[in-house]
Amino acid sequence: PEGGCALAALGTETRRQSEDVRQIATRSVKELVDLIARQMPDWGKPHRHQDALAVMSCLVGAMVIAPLKLIS
């Protein structure tokens, strides 16, 4: 766990934390989504934020399933 993806653990652990911790985690995730959005074509258009959120979700999902042996 100490070498894993912090974002992958946020989904299950953040809800158990204090309001201050949840606000910090939320702010950090939003900053990451904004960073991804700024790298995309047509940055600044309304749909880019949702596209960046989808990209971030895929990246985190990849980290969650990466240690699994999916192909035998």
C-alpha atoms as a PDB file:
ATOM      1  CA  PRO A   1       0.000   0.000   0.000  1.00  0.00           C
ATOM      2  CA  GLU A   2       2.763   2.501   0.747  1.00  0.00           C
ATOM      3  CA  GLY A   3       3.942   2.234  -2.859  1.00  0.00           C
ATOM      4  CA  GLY A   4       0.493   2.390  -4.427  1.00  0.00           C
ATOM      5  CA  CYS A   5      -1.491   5.152  -6.037  1.00  0.00           C
ATOM      6  CA  ALA A   6      -2.872   7.618  -3.493  1.00  0.00           C
ATOM      7  CA  LEU A   7      -5.738   8.554  -5.785  1.00  0.00           C
ATOM      8  CA  ALA A   8      -6.853   4.955  -6.059  1.00  0.00           C
ATOM      9  CA  ALA A   9      -7.168   4.796  -2.271  1.00  0.00           C
ATOM     10  CA  LEU A  10      -9.030   8.094  -1.943  1.00  0.00           C
ATOM     11  CA  GLY A  11     -12.375   6.653  -2.975  1.00  0.00           C
ATOM     12  CA  THR A  12     -12.651   4.347  -0.011  1.00  0.00           C
ATOM     13  CA  GLU A  13     -10.685   6.271   2.589  1.00  0.00           C
ATOM     14  CA  THR A  14     -11.700   9.901   2.131  1.00  0.00           C
ATOM     15  CA  ARG A  15     -15.244   9.441   3.399  1.00  0.00           C
ATOM     16  CA  ARG A  16     -13.922   8.228   6.751  1.00  0.00           C
ATOM     17  CA  GLN A  17     -11.789  11.316   7.291  1.00  0.00           C
ATOM     18  CA  SER A  18     -12.524  14.662   8.903  1.00  0.00           C
ATOM     19  CA  GLU A  19     -14.156  17.471   6.959  1.00  0.00           C
ATOM     20  CA  ASP A  20     -10.797  19.255   6.690  1.00  0.00           C
ATOM     21  CA  VAL A  21      -9.136  16.209   5.136  1.00  0.00           C
ATOM     22  CA  ARG A  22     -12.052  15.715   2.725  1.00  0.00           C
ATOM     23  CA  GLN A  23     -11.811  19.344   1.606  1.00  0.00           C
ATOM     24  CA  ILE A  24      -8.071  19.046   0.994  1.00  0.00           C
ATOM     25  CA  ALA A  25      -8.525  15.794  -0.940  1.00  0.00           C
ATOM     26  CA  THR A  26     -11.318  17.326  -3.019  1.00  0.00           C
ATOM     27  CA  ARG A  27      -9.218  20.391  -3.794  1.00  0.00           C
ATOM     28  CA  SER A  28      -6.265  18.210  -4.815  1.00  0.00           C
ATOM     29  CA  VAL A  29      -8.384  16.090  -7.159  1.00  0.00           C
ATOM     30  CA  LYS A  30      -9.880  19.234  -8.721  1.00  0.00           C
ATOM     31  CA  GLU A  31      -6.378  20.630  -9.249  1.00  0.00           C
ATOM     32  CA  LEU A  32      -5.338  17.414 -10.988  1.00  0.00           C
ATOM     33  CA  VAL A  33      -8.406  17.519 -13.241  1.00  0.00           C
ATOM     34  CA  ASP A  34      -7.613  21.149 -14.085  1.00  0.00           C
ATOM     35  CA  LEU A  35      -4.009  20.213 -14.891  1.00  0.00           C
ATOM     36  CA  ILE A  36      -5.188  17.470 -17.245  1.00  0.00           C
ATOM     37  CA  ALA A  37      -7.751  19.811 -18.830  1.00  0.00           C
ATOM     38  CA  ARG A  38      -5.048  22.395 -19.588  1.00  0.00           C
ATOM     39  CA  GLN A  39      -3.142  19.777 -21.587  1.00  0.00           C
ATOM     40  CA  MET A  40      -6.097  18.952 -23.818  1.00  0.00           C
ATOM     41  CA  PRO A  41      -6.991  20.530 -27.154  1.00  0.00           C
ATOM     42  CA  ASP A  42      -9.715  23.188 -26.885  1.00  0.00           C
ATOM     43  CA  TRP A  43      -8.739  23.930 -23.292  1.00  0.00           C
ATOM     44  CA  GLY A  44     -11.151  26.336 -21.648  1.00  0.00           C
ATOM     45  CA  LYS A  45     -14.271  25.063 -23.338  1.00  0.00           C
ATOM     46  CA  PRO A  46     -16.941  23.739 -20.946  1.00  0.00           C
ATOM     47  CA  HIS A  47     -16.799  20.103 -22.062  1.00  0.00           C
ATOM     48  CA  ARG A  48     -13.037  19.901 -21.474  1.00  0.00           C
ATOM     49  CA  HIS A  49     -13.460  19.738 -17.701  1.00  0.00           C
ATOM     50  CA  GLN A  50     -15.673  16.663 -18.009  1.00  0.00           C
ATOM     51  CA  ASP A  51     -13.296  15.123 -20.552  1.00  0.00           C
ATOM     52  CA  ALA A  52     -10.385  15.698 -18.165  1.00  0.00           C
ATOM     53  CA  LEU A  53     -12.359  14.124 -15.326  1.00  0.00           C
ATOM     54  CA  ALA A  54     -12.937  11.067 -17.532  1.00  0.00           C
ATOM     55  CA  VAL A  55      -9.216  10.861 -18.360  1.00  0.00           C
ATOM     56  CA  MET A  56      -8.287  11.082 -14.677  1.00  0.00           C
ATOM     57  CA  SER A  57     -10.838   8.389 -13.841  1.00  0.00           C
ATOM     58  CA  CYS A  58      -9.340   6.096 -16.466  1.00  0.00           C
ATOM     59  CA  LEU A  59      -5.834   6.707 -15.131  1.00  0.00           C
ATOM     60  CA  VAL A  60      -6.884   5.912 -11.560  1.00  0.00           C
ATOM     61  CA  GLY A  61      -8.827   2.872 -12.749  1.00  0.00           C
ATOM     62  CA  ALA A  62      -5.733   1.636 -14.552  1.00  0.00           C
ATOM     63  CA  MET A  63      -3.758   1.918 -11.310  1.00  0.00           C
ATOM     64  CA  VAL A  64      -6.439  -0.030  -9.446  1.00  0.00           C
ATOM     65  CA  ILE A  65      -6.426  -2.955 -11.873  1.00  0.00           C
ATOM     66  CA  ALA A  66      -2.699  -2.846 -12.727  1.00  0.00           C
ATOM     67  CA  PRO A  67      -1.643  -5.368 -10.050  1.00  0.00           C
ATOM     68  CA  LEU A  68      -4.318  -7.862 -11.145  1.00  0.00           C
ATOM     69  CA  LYS A  69      -3.489 -10.700 -13.459  1.00  0.00           C
ATOM     70  CA  LEU A  70      -6.285 -10.237 -15.983  1.00  0.00           C
ATOM     71  CA  ILE A  71      -4.919 -12.468 -18.729  1.00  0.00           C
ATOM     72  CA  SER A  72      -4.037 -16.063 -17.908  1.00  0.00           C
END
